[in-house]
Amino acid sequence: MKKIIFTAVIALAATFSMNAQQYKVITSVESIVPNGFGRSRIINALEDKDYKEYTSVQTEDDNTRNKSDRSDIRVKNFEETKLLNFYNIGGIRFQNIAANDAVITSMINDMVANGWELAFVVSGVESEAGKDDGQGIFITRYIFKK
């Protein structure tokens, strides 16, 4: 009998903890603009948004539009942590990359110390890539869960 109660309590606790998971996305944007003219930052939204408020349903019969304005999506409360650009006037600056790694590591360690687990990391590069390409960013999303 004790084993059955113990198993039921463990199963209930596991179900509760699965339902209680939450996720947090923090993004780093690192400039790959030549000559050091870009801006590099870690961005952390300090307010929540419900995606349902900005979602519309499209059907063949009618289009149910969401009444919210695109400007309503903007987050006005966020943290912005400065990072160094990948390039300076002399070209690629490896010291800046190492400095950014140290700052990002500090941010990850702080999140872990506050009970978050780094679940996924997704990154990509955006660049015009034309003959005189003078624009581009390296973006990384750090997805945490607890």
C-alpha atoms as a PDB file:
ATOM      1  CA  MET A   1       0.000   0.000   0.000  1.00  0.00           C
ATOM      2  CA  LYS A   2       2.829   2.396   0.859  1.00  0.00           C
ATOM      3  CA  LYS A   3       4.454   1.696  -2.504  1.00  0.00           C
ATOM      4  CA  ILE A   4       1.241   2.557  -4.357  1.00  0.00           C
ATOM      5  CA  ILE A   5       0.832   5.855  -2.483  1.00  0.00           C
ATOM      6  CA  PHE A   6       4.511   6.709  -2.995  1.00  0.00           C
ATOM      7  CA  THR A   7       4.258   5.950  -6.736  1.00  0.00           C
ATOM      8  CA  ALA A   8       1.086   8.035  -7.045  1.00  0.00           C
ATOM      9  CA  VAL A   9       2.716  10.998  -5.265  1.00  0.00           C
ATOM     10  CA  ILE A  10       5.797  10.780  -7.526  1.00  0.00           C
ATOM     11  CA  ALA A  11       3.616  10.571 -10.664  1.00  0.00           C
ATOM     12  CA  LEU A  12       1.550  13.563  -9.508  1.00  0.00           C
ATOM     13  CA  ALA A  13       4.690  15.587  -8.763  1.00  0.00           C
ATOM     14  CA  ALA A  14       6.182  14.726 -12.160  1.00  0.00           C
ATOM     15  CA  THR A  15       2.964  15.777 -13.904  1.00  0.00           C
ATOM     16  CA  PHE A  16       2.878  19.056 -11.971  1.00  0.00           C
ATOM     17  CA  SER A  17       6.505  19.895 -12.747  1.00  0.00           C
ATOM     18  CA  MET A  18       5.981  19.174 -16.465  1.00  0.00           C
ATOM     19  CA  ASN A  19       3.036  21.575 -16.574  1.00  0.00           C
ATOM     20  CA  ALA A  20       4.919  24.232 -14.646  1.00  0.00           C
ATOM     21  CA  GLN A  21       7.763  24.600 -17.165  1.00  0.00           C
ATOM     22  CA  GLN A  22       8.378  28.006 -18.602  1.00  0.00           C
ATOM     23  CA  TYR A  23      10.772  29.271 -21.245  1.00  0.00           C
ATOM     24  CA  LYS A  24      12.763  32.475 -21.624  1.00  0.00           C
ATOM     25  CA  VAL A  25      14.536  33.714 -24.762  1.00  0.00           C
ATOM     26  CA  ILE A  26      17.529  36.045 -24.597  1.00  0.00           C
ATOM     27  CA  THR A  27      19.107  37.250 -27.845  1.00  0.00           C
ATOM     28  CA  SER A  28      22.595  38.434 -28.640  1.00  0.00           C
ATOM     29  CA  VAL A  29      23.131  40.540 -31.753  1.00  0.00           C
ATOM     30  CA  GLU A  30      26.752  40.948 -32.820  1.00  0.00           C
ATOM     31  CA  SER A  31      27.642  43.327 -35.605  1.00  0.00           C
ATOM     32  CA  ILE A  32      29.605  42.077 -38.595  1.00  0.00           C
ATOM     33  CA  VAL A  33      29.681  45.521 -40.168  1.00  0.00           C
ATOM     34  CA  PRO A  34      33.187  46.419 -41.387  1.00  0.00           C
ATOM     35  CA  ASN A  35      35.139  49.248 -39.745  1.00  0.00           C
ATOM     36  CA  GLY A  36      33.380  48.864 -36.398  1.00  0.00           C
ATOM     37  CA  PHE A  37      30.335  50.979 -37.265  1.00  0.00           C
ATOM     38  CA  GLY A  38      27.736  48.449 -36.074  1.00  0.00           C
ATOM     39  CA  ARG A  39      26.122  47.934 -32.679  1.00  0.00           C
ATOM     40  CA  SER A  40      26.303  44.722 -30.666  1.00  0.00           C
ATOM     41  CA  ARG A  41      24.035  43.917 -27.724  1.00  0.00           C
ATOM     42  CA  ILE A  42      22.409  41.251 -25.557  1.00  0.00           C
ATOM     43  CA  ILE A  43      18.649  41.878 -25.433  1.00  0.00           C
ATOM     44  CA  ASN A  44      16.431  40.572 -22.623  1.00  0.00           C
ATOM     45  CA  ALA A  45      12.698  41.435 -22.625  1.00  0.00           C
ATOM     46  CA  LEU A  46      11.439  42.319 -19.141  1.00  0.00           C
ATOM     47  CA  GLU A  47       7.766  41.968 -19.971  1.00  0.00           C
ATOM     48  CA  ASP A  48       5.681  39.103 -21.284  1.00  0.00           C
ATOM     49  CA  LYS A  49       3.530  39.097 -24.396  1.00  0.00           C
ATOM     50  CA  ASP A  50       0.699  36.717 -25.247  1.00  0.00           C
ATOM     51  CA  TYR A  51       1.109  35.665 -28.882  1.00  0.00           C
ATOM     52  CA  LYS A  52      -2.654  35.055 -29.095  1.00  0.00           C
ATOM     53  CA  GLU A  53      -3.269  38.798 -28.890  1.00  0.00           C
ATOM     54  CA  TYR A  54      -1.398  39.237 -32.204  1.00  0.00           C
ATOM     55  CA  THR A  55      -2.685  36.157 -34.027  1.00  0.00           C
ATOM     56  CA  SER A  56      -5.430  36.137 -36.651  1.00  0.00           C
ATOM     57  CA  VAL A  57      -7.266  33.209 -38.180  1.00  0.00           C
ATOM     58  CA  GLN A  58      -7.497  33.000 -41.965  1.00  0.00           C
ATOM     59  CA  THR A  59     -10.253  30.892 -43.482  1.00  0.00           C
ATOM     60  CA  GLU A  60     -11.759  30.588 -46.927  1.00  0.00           C
ATOM     61  CA  ASP A  61     -15.110  31.977 -45.747  1.00  0.00           C
ATOM     62  CA  ASP A  62     -13.977  34.924 -43.652  1.00  0.00           C
ATOM     63  CA  ASN A  63     -10.875  36.555 -42.314  1.00  0.00           C
ATOM     64  CA  THR A  64     -10.976  37.107 -38.595  1.00  0.00           C
ATOM     65  CA  ARG A  65      -8.497  39.899 -38.020  1.00  0.00           C
ATOM     66  CA  ASN A  66      -6.950  40.708 -34.712  1.00  0.00           C
ATOM     67  CA  LYS A  67      -7.741  44.288 -33.715  1.00  0.00           C
ATOM     68  CA  SER A  68      -4.349  44.985 -32.121  1.00  0.00           C
ATOM     69  CA  ASP A  69      -1.932  47.323 -33.829  1.00  0.00           C
ATOM     70  CA  ARG A  70       1.578  46.170 -34.735  1.00  0.00           C
ATOM     71  CA  SER A  71       2.936  48.834 -32.410  1.00  0.00           C
ATOM     72  CA  ASP A  72       1.227  46.978 -29.522  1.00  0.00           C
ATOM     73  CA  ILE A  73       3.717  44.143 -30.016  1.00  0.00           C
ATOM     74  CA  ARG A  74       6.680  46.351 -29.078  1.00  0.00           C
ATOM     75  CA  VAL A  75       8.300  45.693 -25.737  1.00  0.00           C
ATOM     76  CA  LYS A  76       9.237  48.905 -23.959  1.00  0.00           C
ATOM     77  CA  ASN A  77      10.856  47.292 -20.916  1.00  0.00           C
ATOM     78  CA  PHE A  78      14.024  45.396 -21.741  1.00  0.00           C
ATOM     79  CA  GLU A  79      17.638  45.068 -20.713  1.00  0.00           C
ATOM     80  CA  GLU A  80      20.315  45.960 -23.207  1.00  0.00           C
ATOM     81  CA  THR A  81      23.842  44.734 -22.419  1.00  0.00           C
ATOM     82  CA  LYS A  82      26.621  46.193 -24.541  1.00  0.00           C
ATOM     83  CA  LEU A  83      28.896  43.891 -26.507  1.00  0.00           C
ATOM     84  CA  LEU A  84      31.857  44.717 -28.714  1.00  0.00           C
ATOM     85  CA  ASN A  85      31.685  44.584 -32.509  1.00  0.00           C
ATOM     86  CA  PHE A  86      33.473  41.789 -34.375  1.00  0.00           C
ATOM     87  CA  TYR A  87      35.284  44.290 -36.603  1.00  0.00           C
ATOM     88  CA  ASN A  88      37.175  47.509 -36.052  1.00  0.00           C
ATOM     89  CA  ILE A  89      39.064  49.703 -38.511  1.00  0.00           C
ATOM     90  CA  GLY A  90      41.887  47.140 -38.641  1.00  0.00           C
ATOM     91  CA  GLY A  91      39.547  44.244 -39.500  1.00  0.00           C
ATOM     92  CA  ILE A  92      38.314  41.317 -37.433  1.00  0.00           C
ATOM     93  CA  ARG A  93      39.142  41.787 -33.750  1.00  0.00           C
ATOM     94  CA  PHE A  94      39.585  38.453 -31.944  1.00  0.00           C
ATOM     95  CA  GLN A  95      39.986  40.223 -28.596  1.00  0.00           C
ATOM     96  CA  ASN A  96      36.437  41.596 -29.029  1.00  0.00           C
ATOM     97  CA  ILE A  97      35.104  38.095 -29.705  1.00  0.00           C
ATOM     98  CA  ALA A  98      36.789  36.809 -26.526  1.00  0.00           C
ATOM     99  CA  ALA A  99      35.344  39.738 -24.555  1.00  0.00           C
ATOM    100  CA  ASN A 100      31.831  39.011 -25.898  1.00  0.00           C
ATOM    101  CA  ASP A 101      32.242  35.341 -24.975  1.00  0.00           C
ATOM    102  CA  ALA A 102      33.110  36.369 -21.401  1.00  0.00           C
ATOM    103  CA  VAL A 103      30.051  38.647 -21.126  1.00  0.00           C
ATOM    104  CA  ILE A 104      27.704  36.038 -22.655  1.00  0.00           C
ATOM    105  CA  THR A 105      29.140  33.348 -20.351  1.00  0.00           C
ATOM    106  CA  SER A 106      28.475  35.622 -17.386  1.00  0.00           C
ATOM    107  CA  MET A 107      24.856  36.080 -18.528  1.00  0.00           C
ATOM    108  CA  ILE A 108      24.364  32.315 -18.955  1.00  0.00           C
ATOM    109  CA  ASN A 109      25.915  31.601 -15.538  1.00  0.00           C
ATOM    110  CA  ASP A 110      23.619  34.202 -13.939  1.00  0.00           C
ATOM    111  CA  MET A 111      20.551  32.637 -15.562  1.00  0.00           C
ATOM    112  CA  VAL A 112      21.616  29.155 -14.377  1.00  0.00           C
ATOM    113  CA  ALA A 113      22.237  30.500 -10.850  1.00  0.00           C
ATOM    114  CA  ASN A 114      18.661  31.834 -10.919  1.00  0.00           C
ATOM    115  CA  GLY A 115      17.210  28.398 -11.671  1.00  0.00           C
ATOM    116  CA  TRP A 116      17.122  28.487 -15.482  1.00  0.00           C
ATOM    117  CA  GLU A 117      18.551  25.702 -17.637  1.00  0.00           C
ATOM    118  CA  LEU A 118      20.025  26.461 -21.057  1.00  0.00           C
ATOM    119  CA  ALA A 119      17.841  24.278 -23.275  1.00  0.00           C
ATOM    120  CA  PHE A 120      18.659  25.384 -26.835  1.00  0.00           C
ATOM    121  CA  VAL A 121      20.933  27.747 -28.718  1.00  0.00           C
ATOM    122  CA  VAL A 122      19.985  28.881 -32.220  1.00  0.00           C
ATOM    123  CA  SER A 123      22.073  31.216 -34.360  1.00  0.00           C
ATOM    124  CA  GLY A 124      22.192  32.709 -37.804  1.00  0.00           C
ATOM    125  CA  VAL A 125      23.835  35.356 -39.926  1.00  0.00           C
ATOM    126  CA  GLU A 126      22.127  38.042 -41.955  1.00  0.00           C
ATOM    127  CA  SER A 127      24.167  39.776 -44.585  1.00  0.00           C
ATOM    128  CA  GLU A 128      23.446  41.510 -47.851  1.00  0.00           C
ATOM    129  CA  ALA A 129      26.462  39.719 -49.408  1.00  0.00           C
ATOM    130  CA  GLY A 130      26.601  42.008 -52.414  1.00  0.00           C
ATOM    131  CA  LYS A 131      29.799  43.335 -53.967  1.00  0.00           C
ATOM    132  CA  ASP A 132      30.168  46.151 -51.450  1.00  0.00           C
ATOM    133  CA  ASP A 133      28.399  44.415 -48.559  1.00  0.00           C
ATOM    134  CA  GLY A 134      28.581  46.782 -45.632  1.00  0.00           C
ATOM    135  CA  GLN A 135      25.855  45.349 -43.455  1.00  0.00           C
ATOM    136  CA  GLY A 136      25.284  42.253 -41.397  1.00  0.00           C
ATOM    137  CA  ILE A 137      24.559  40.785 -37.995  1.00  0.00           C
ATOM    138  CA  PHE A 138      25.275  37.533 -36.222  1.00  0.00           C
ATOM    139  CA  ILE A 139      22.265  36.731 -34.055  1.00  0.00           C
ATOM    140  CA  THR A 140      22.056  34.051 -31.376  1.00  0.00           C
ATOM    141  CA  ARG A 141      18.982  33.103 -29.374  1.00  0.00           C
ATOM    142  CA  TYR A 142      19.561  31.449 -26.012  1.00  0.00           C
ATOM    143  CA  ILE A 143      16.447  29.535 -24.949  1.00  0.00           C
ATOM    144  CA  PHE A 144      16.243  28.781 -21.229  1.00  0.00           C
ATOM    145  CA  LYS A 145      13.688  26.687 -19.338  1.00  0.00           C
ATOM    146  CA  LYS A 146      12.755  26.086 -15.739  1.00  0.00           C
END
